[in-house]
Amino acid sequence: MTVQLLSGRTVEHKRAFAVAVTEAAVTELGARPGDVRIAFEHIEPDDVANGGVLASDDSSRSAVLSGLGHVAGGSLG
């Protein structure tokens, strides 16, 4: 599985997510833990749009963006 995340998540966030998803796959799908592969793809707010609005321009995401160290409200550079 590939998971797209805005860059800035910590290793601890990704580790906890990987554990939770692996446990769910084992429980719900009967998968073996070693067969659950998760690839994190890091994207920038200018590289993704939801509903036609770049994440960097979406005021409803400003708290998330600032929490990840991104400048809200336009191009990052």
N, C-alpha and C. Protein backbone atom coordinates (compact mmCIF):
# COMPACT_ATOMS: atom_id res chain seq x y z
N MET A 1 0.84 -1.15 0.00
CA MET A 1 0.00 0.00 0.00
C MET A 1 0.89 1.22 0.00
N THR A 2 0.49 2.21 -0.74
CA THR A 2 1.19 3.49 -0.76
C THR A 2 0.32 4.52 -0.06
N VAL A 3 0.92 5.26 0.84
CA VAL A 3 0.22 6.30 1.59
C VAL A 3 0.85 7.63 1.24
N GLN A 4 0.05 8.56 0.76
CA GLN A 4 0.54 9.89 0.47
C GLN A 4 0.31 10.78 1.68
N LEU A 5 1.38 11.44 2.09
CA LEU A 5 1.34 12.34 3.24
C LEU A 5 1.97 13.66 2.89
N LEU A 6 1.41 14.73 3.43
CA LEU A 6 2.12 15.99 3.33
C LEU A 6 3.42 15.85 4.09
N SER A 7 4.50 16.32 3.53
CA SER A 7 5.80 16.20 4.19
C SER A 7 5.75 16.91 5.54
N GLY A 8 6.56 16.41 6.45
CA GLY A 8 6.62 17.00 7.78
C GLY A 8 6.21 16.06 8.89
N ARG A 9 5.63 14.92 8.55
CA ARG A 9 5.28 13.95 9.59
C ARG A 9 6.56 13.38 10.19
N THR A 10 6.51 13.10 11.47
CA THR A 10 7.70 12.57 12.14
C THR A 10 7.80 11.06 11.92
N VAL A 11 8.98 10.54 12.21
CA VAL A 11 9.18 9.09 12.16
C VAL A 11 8.23 8.41 13.12
N GLU A 12 8.01 9.01 14.27
CA GLU A 12 7.10 8.42 15.27
C GLU A 12 5.68 8.33 14.71
N HIS A 13 5.21 9.37 13.99
CA HIS A 13 3.88 9.32 13.37
C HIS A 13 3.79 8.17 12.39
N LYS A 14 4.80 8.06 11.53
CA LYS A 14 4.78 7.02 10.50
C LYS A 14 4.90 5.63 11.12
N ARG A 15 5.70 5.50 12.16
CA ARG A 15 5.85 4.21 12.84
C ARG A 15 4.51 3.78 13.45
N ALA A 16 3.84 4.69 14.14
CA ALA A 16 2.55 4.37 14.77
C ALA A 16 1.51 4.01 13.72
N PHE A 17 1.50 4.73 12.60
CA PHE A 17 0.57 4.44 11.53
C PHE A 17 0.83 3.05 10.96
N ALA A 18 2.11 2.73 10.73
CA ALA A 18 2.47 1.43 10.17
C ALA A 18 2.04 0.29 11.09
N VAL A 19 2.23 0.46 12.38
CA VAL A 19 1.82 -0.57 13.34
C VAL A 19 0.30 -0.73 13.30
N ALA A 20 -0.44 0.38 13.33
CA ALA A 20 -1.90 0.32 13.34
C ALA A 20 -2.46 -0.32 12.08
N VAL A 21 -1.91 0.05 10.92
CA VAL A 21 -2.40 -0.52 9.66
C VAL A 21 -2.06 -2.00 9.57
N THR A 22 -0.87 -2.36 10.00
CA THR A 22 -0.47 -3.77 9.98
C THR A 22 -1.38 -4.59 10.87
N GLU A 23 -1.64 -4.10 12.08
CA GLU A 23 -2.55 -4.82 12.99
C GLU A 23 -3.94 -4.96 12.38
N ALA A 24 -4.43 -3.92 11.72
CA ALA A 24 -5.75 -3.99 11.09
C ALA A 24 -5.76 -4.99 9.95
N ALA A 25 -4.70 -5.02 9.15
CA ALA A 25 -4.63 -5.97 8.03
C ALA A 25 -4.60 -7.41 8.53
N VAL A 26 -3.89 -7.64 9.63
CA VAL A 26 -3.83 -8.98 10.22
C VAL A 26 -5.21 -9.38 10.73
N THR A 27 -5.84 -8.48 11.47
CA THR A 27 -7.14 -8.77 12.08
C THR A 27 -8.25 -8.89 11.04
N GLU A 28 -8.33 -7.94 10.14
CA GLU A 28 -9.46 -7.86 9.22
C GLU A 28 -9.28 -8.70 7.96
N LEU A 29 -8.04 -8.87 7.52
CA LEU A 29 -7.80 -9.55 6.25
C LEU A 29 -7.11 -10.90 6.40
N GLY A 30 -6.65 -11.20 7.61
CA GLY A 30 -5.92 -12.43 7.82
C GLY A 30 -4.52 -12.40 7.22
N ALA A 31 -4.00 -11.22 6.99
CA ALA A 31 -2.66 -11.09 6.41
C ALA A 31 -1.60 -11.46 7.44
N ARG A 32 -0.46 -11.89 6.95
CA ARG A 32 0.68 -12.11 7.83
C ARG A 32 1.38 -10.76 8.00
N PRO A 33 1.80 -10.41 9.21
CA PRO A 33 2.43 -9.10 9.43
C PRO A 33 3.57 -8.80 8.46
N GLY A 34 4.39 -9.79 8.17
CA GLY A 34 5.52 -9.58 7.28
C GLY A 34 5.14 -9.33 5.83
N ASP A 35 3.88 -9.57 5.49
CA ASP A 35 3.41 -9.35 4.13
C ASP A 35 2.73 -8.00 3.94
N VAL A 36 2.62 -7.23 5.01
CA VAL A 36 1.99 -5.91 4.92
C VAL A 36 3.09 -4.89 4.63
N ARG A 37 3.07 -4.33 3.44
CA ARG A 37 4.08 -3.36 3.03
C ARG A 37 3.44 -1.99 2.89
N ILE A 38 4.03 -1.01 3.53
CA ILE A 38 3.53 0.36 3.48
C ILE A 38 4.66 1.24 2.98
N ALA A 39 4.40 1.98 1.92
CA ALA A 39 5.37 2.93 1.38
C ALA A 39 4.80 4.34 1.58
N PHE A 40 5.56 5.17 2.24
CA PHE A 40 5.13 6.56 2.46
C PHE A 40 5.65 7.42 1.33
N GLU A 41 4.75 8.12 0.70
CA GLU A 41 5.10 9.06 -0.38
C GLU A 41 4.86 10.46 0.16
N HIS A 42 5.91 11.25 0.19
CA HIS A 42 5.80 12.60 0.75
C HIS A 42 5.51 13.59 -0.37
N ILE A 43 4.51 14.40 -0.14
CA ILE A 43 4.12 15.40 -1.12
C ILE A 43 4.11 16.77 -0.45
N GLU A 44 4.27 17.78 -1.25
CA GLU A 44 4.23 19.16 -0.76
C GLU A 44 2.83 19.73 -0.99
N PRO A 45 2.43 20.70 -0.19
CA PRO A 45 1.09 21.27 -0.32
C PRO A 45 0.80 21.84 -1.71
N ASP A 46 1.83 22.27 -2.44
CA ASP A 46 1.63 22.77 -3.80
C ASP A 46 1.47 21.65 -4.81
N ASP A 47 1.68 20.39 -4.39
CA ASP A 47 1.65 19.25 -5.30
C ASP A 47 0.36 18.45 -5.24
N VAL A 48 -0.61 18.88 -4.44
CA VAL A 48 -1.84 18.12 -4.32
C VAL A 48 -3.02 19.09 -4.21
N ALA A 49 -4.11 18.72 -4.87
CA ALA A 49 -5.34 19.52 -4.81
C ALA A 49 -6.50 18.61 -4.42
N ASN A 50 -7.37 19.14 -3.62
CA ASN A 50 -8.60 18.45 -3.23
C ASN A 50 -9.76 19.35 -3.62
N GLY A 51 -10.68 18.83 -4.40
CA GLY A 51 -11.83 19.63 -4.82
C GLY A 51 -11.42 20.84 -5.65
N GLY A 52 -10.31 20.72 -6.38
CA GLY A 52 -9.87 21.81 -7.24
C GLY A 52 -9.06 22.89 -6.54
N VAL A 53 -8.75 22.69 -5.27
CA VAL A 53 -8.01 23.69 -4.49
C VAL A 53 -6.71 23.07 -4.01
N LEU A 54 -5.59 23.75 -4.32
CA LEU A 54 -4.31 23.28 -3.81
C LEU A 54 -4.34 23.26 -2.29
N ALA A 55 -3.72 22.26 -1.71
CA ALA A 55 -3.67 22.20 -0.24
C ALA A 55 -3.02 23.45 0.33
N SER A 56 -2.06 24.01 -0.40
CA SER A 56 -1.39 25.22 0.07
C SER A 56 -2.30 26.44 0.07
N ASP A 57 -3.40 26.39 -0.69
CA ASP A 57 -4.35 27.51 -0.76
C ASP A 57 -5.61 27.27 0.06
N ASP A 58 -5.73 26.12 0.67
CA ASP A 58 -6.95 25.73 1.38
C ASP A 58 -6.89 26.20 2.82
N SER A 59 -7.65 27.23 3.15
CA SER A 59 -7.62 27.80 4.50
C SER A 59 -8.06 26.80 5.55
N SER A 60 -8.87 25.81 5.18
CA SER A 60 -9.31 24.82 6.17
C SER A 60 -8.16 23.90 6.57
N ARG A 61 -7.07 23.92 5.83
CA ARG A 61 -5.91 23.10 6.14
C ARG A 61 -4.79 23.88 6.81
N SER A 62 -5.02 25.14 7.10
CA SER A 62 -3.93 25.99 7.61
C SER A 62 -3.36 25.48 8.92
N ALA A 63 -4.18 24.96 9.82
CA ALA A 63 -3.66 24.43 11.09
C ALA A 63 -2.78 23.21 10.86
N VAL A 64 -3.22 22.33 9.95
CA VAL A 64 -2.42 21.14 9.65
C VAL A 64 -1.10 21.56 9.01
N LEU A 65 -1.17 22.46 8.03
CA LEU A 65 0.04 22.89 7.34
C LEU A 65 1.03 23.54 8.29
N SER A 66 0.54 24.42 9.15
CA SER A 66 1.46 25.09 10.07
C SER A 66 2.02 24.09 11.08
N GLY A 67 1.23 23.10 11.47
CA GLY A 67 1.70 22.08 12.39
C GLY A 67 2.79 21.20 11.79
N LEU A 68 2.83 21.15 10.45
CA LEU A 68 3.85 20.36 9.75
C LEU A 68 5.01 21.23 9.30
N GLY A 69 4.96 22.52 9.64
CA GLY A 69 6.05 23.42 9.29
C GLY A 69 5.93 24.05 7.92
N HIS A 70 4.75 24.02 7.32
CA HIS A 70 4.54 24.61 6.01
C HIS A 70 3.95 26.01 6.17
N VAL A 71 4.25 26.86 5.22
CA VAL A 71 3.66 28.20 5.18
C VAL A 71 2.33 28.08 4.44
N ALA A 72 1.25 28.52 5.06
CA ALA A 72 -0.06 28.44 4.44
C ALA A 72 -0.28 29.63 3.52
N GLY A 73 -1.19 29.44 2.55
CA GLY A 73 -1.62 30.55 1.73
C GLY A 73 -0.81 30.80 0.49
N GLY A 74 -0.29 29.77 -0.13
CA GLY A 74 0.37 29.96 -1.41
C GLY A 74 1.65 29.17 -1.53
N SER A 75 2.37 29.48 -2.59
CA SER A 75 3.58 28.75 -2.93
C SER A 75 4.60 28.81 -1.80
N LEU A 76 5.28 27.70 -1.65
CA LEU A 76 6.27 27.60 -0.58
C LEU A 76 7.66 28.00 -1.04
N GLY A 77 7.77 28.33 -2.26
CA GLY A 77 9.07 28.78 -2.56
C GLY A 77 9.68 28.54 -3.81
